[in-house]
Amino acid sequence: VPTCSSQVLGMRFDFVGDFSTPHLLAEIEGNREKGLFIARYRRGETLIAAVLCNRDPAEIPMIQEEVKTSVLSRTKR
């Protein structure tokens, strides 16, 4: 599962998954106002990508596994 990181305006963003596919639903976990959140992007029930904002980089492998498991379960249907 691809990842990319960027620092912008004092905030760290970690991008996980496939952003070339349009998502249909975004779920936010955490606090956007404090700039400390995870945004999960879904197409149907399938998690296709996520953005971590100012989160611990140790969370990236967990999100990668979440995306991978979701995409693989979709292909088995």
C-alpha atoms as a PDB file:
ATOM      1  CA  VAL A   1       0.000   0.000   0.000  1.00  0.00           C
ATOM      2  CA  PRO A   2       1.648   3.271  -1.095  1.00  0.00           C
ATOM      3  CA  THR A   3       2.430   6.058   1.359  1.00  0.00           C
ATOM      4  CA  CYS A   4       3.651   9.620   1.048  1.00  0.00           C
ATOM      5  CA  SER A   5       4.384  12.232   3.711  1.00  0.00           C
ATOM      6  CA  SER A   6       4.420  16.017   3.560  1.00  0.00           C
ATOM      7  CA  GLN A   7       4.956  18.944   5.928  1.00  0.00           C
ATOM      8  CA  VAL A   8       2.787  21.987   5.152  1.00  0.00           C
ATOM      9  CA  LEU A   9       2.311  25.092   7.318  1.00  0.00           C
ATOM     10  CA  GLY A  10       3.702  23.309  10.363  1.00  0.00           C
ATOM     11  CA  MET A  11       1.406  20.305   9.927  1.00  0.00           C
ATOM     12  CA  ARG A  12       2.467  16.770   8.996  1.00  0.00           C
ATOM     13  CA  PHE A  13       0.316  14.794   6.575  1.00  0.00           C
ATOM     14  CA  ASP A  14       0.766  11.092   5.838  1.00  0.00           C
ATOM     15  CA  PHE A  15      -1.138   9.841   2.797  1.00  0.00           C
ATOM     16  CA  VAL A  16      -1.873   6.109   2.675  1.00  0.00           C
ATOM     17  CA  GLY A  17      -3.533   4.216  -0.176  1.00  0.00           C
ATOM     18  CA  ASP A  18      -4.806   4.976  -3.665  1.00  0.00           C
ATOM     19  CA  PHE A  19      -5.880   8.570  -4.235  1.00  0.00           C
ATOM     20  CA  SER A  20      -6.322   8.072  -8.002  1.00  0.00           C
ATOM     21  CA  THR A  21      -9.711   6.426  -7.414  1.00  0.00           C
ATOM     22  CA  PRO A  22     -12.517   8.839  -6.472  1.00  0.00           C
ATOM     23  CA  HIS A  23     -13.944   8.226  -3.020  1.00  0.00           C
ATOM     24  CA  LEU A  24     -17.642   8.403  -2.202  1.00  0.00           C
ATOM     25  CA  LEU A  25     -17.462   8.849   1.567  1.00  0.00           C
ATOM     26  CA  ALA A  26     -15.016  10.448   4.002  1.00  0.00           C
ATOM     27  CA  GLU A  27     -14.961   9.647   7.717  1.00  0.00           C
ATOM     28  CA  ILE A  28     -13.049  11.852  10.171  1.00  0.00           C
ATOM     29  CA  GLU A  29     -11.671  10.441  13.435  1.00  0.00           C
ATOM     30  CA  GLY A  30     -10.144  12.936  15.841  1.00  0.00           C
ATOM     31  CA  ASN A  31     -10.226  16.713  15.993  1.00  0.00           C
ATOM     32  CA  ARG A  32      -9.956  18.746  12.779  1.00  0.00           C
ATOM     33  CA  GLU A  33      -9.873  22.039  14.690  1.00  0.00           C
ATOM     34  CA  LYS A  34      -6.771  20.903  16.595  1.00  0.00           C
ATOM     35  CA  GLY A  35      -5.282  19.447  13.404  1.00  0.00           C
ATOM     36  CA  LEU A  36      -5.002  15.972  14.907  1.00  0.00           C
ATOM     37  CA  PHE A  37      -7.090  13.492  12.935  1.00  0.00           C
ATOM     38  CA  ILE A  38      -7.349  10.578  10.529  1.00  0.00           C
ATOM     39  CA  ALA A  39      -9.565  10.925   7.453  1.00  0.00           C
ATOM     40  CA  ARG A  40     -10.595   7.596   5.914  1.00  0.00           C
ATOM     41  CA  TYR A  41     -11.817   7.600   2.313  1.00  0.00           C
ATOM     42  CA  ARG A  42     -14.210   4.889   1.174  1.00  0.00           C
ATOM     43  CA  ARG A  43     -15.691   3.755  -2.078  1.00  0.00           C
ATOM     44  CA  GLY A  44     -18.771   1.851  -0.997  1.00  0.00           C
ATOM     45  CA  GLU A  45     -17.713  -0.250   1.978  1.00  0.00           C
ATOM     46  CA  THR A  46     -14.100  -0.427   0.794  1.00  0.00           C
ATOM     47  CA  LEU A  47     -11.466   1.722   2.465  1.00  0.00           C
ATOM     48  CA  ILE A  48      -9.275   2.955  -0.394  1.00  0.00           C
ATOM     49  CA  ALA A  49      -7.150   5.657   1.261  1.00  0.00           C
ATOM     50  CA  ALA A  50      -6.507   7.654   4.416  1.00  0.00           C
ATOM     51  CA  VAL A  51      -4.806  10.869   5.501  1.00  0.00           C
ATOM     52  CA  LEU A  52      -3.198  11.132   8.922  1.00  0.00           C
ATOM     53  CA  CYS A  53      -2.739  14.698  10.166  1.00  0.00           C
ATOM     54  CA  ASN A  54      -0.151  15.240  12.910  1.00  0.00           C
ATOM     55  CA  ARG A  55      -0.527  11.627  14.028  1.00  0.00           C
ATOM     56  CA  ASP A  56       2.210   9.345  15.305  1.00  0.00           C
ATOM     57  CA  PRO A  57       4.085   7.881  12.289  1.00  0.00           C
ATOM     58  CA  ALA A  58       3.896   4.515  14.075  1.00  0.00           C
ATOM     59  CA  GLU A  59       0.181   4.481  13.111  1.00  0.00           C
ATOM     60  CA  ILE A  60       0.983   4.331   9.380  1.00  0.00           C
ATOM     61  CA  PRO A  61       1.530   0.525   9.200  1.00  0.00           C
ATOM     62  CA  MET A  62      -1.790  -0.028  11.003  1.00  0.00           C
ATOM     63  CA  ILE A  63      -3.632   2.134   8.455  1.00  0.00           C
ATOM     64  CA  GLN A  64      -1.774   0.446   5.567  1.00  0.00           C
ATOM     65  CA  GLU A  65      -2.959  -2.939   6.831  1.00  0.00           C
ATOM     66  CA  GLU A  66      -6.517  -1.612   7.218  1.00  0.00           C
ATOM     67  CA  VAL A  67      -6.528  -0.390   3.579  1.00  0.00           C
ATOM     68  CA  LYS A  68      -4.943  -3.616   2.292  1.00  0.00           C
ATOM     69  CA  THR A  69      -7.419  -5.842   4.140  1.00  0.00           C
ATOM     70  CA  SER A  70     -10.379  -3.792   2.922  1.00  0.00           C
ATOM     71  CA  VAL A  71      -9.261  -3.800  -0.726  1.00  0.00           C
ATOM     72  CA  LEU A  72      -8.461  -7.535  -0.686  1.00  0.00           C
ATOM     73  CA  SER A  73     -11.853  -8.391   0.826  1.00  0.00           C
ATOM     74  CA  ARG A  74     -13.530  -6.402  -1.971  1.00  0.00           C
ATOM     75  CA  THR A  75     -11.684  -8.346  -4.674  1.00  0.00           C
ATOM     76  CA  LYS A  76     -12.797 -11.678  -3.151  1.00  0.00           C
ATOM     77  CA  ARG A  77     -16.499 -10.849  -3.574  1.00  0.00           C
END
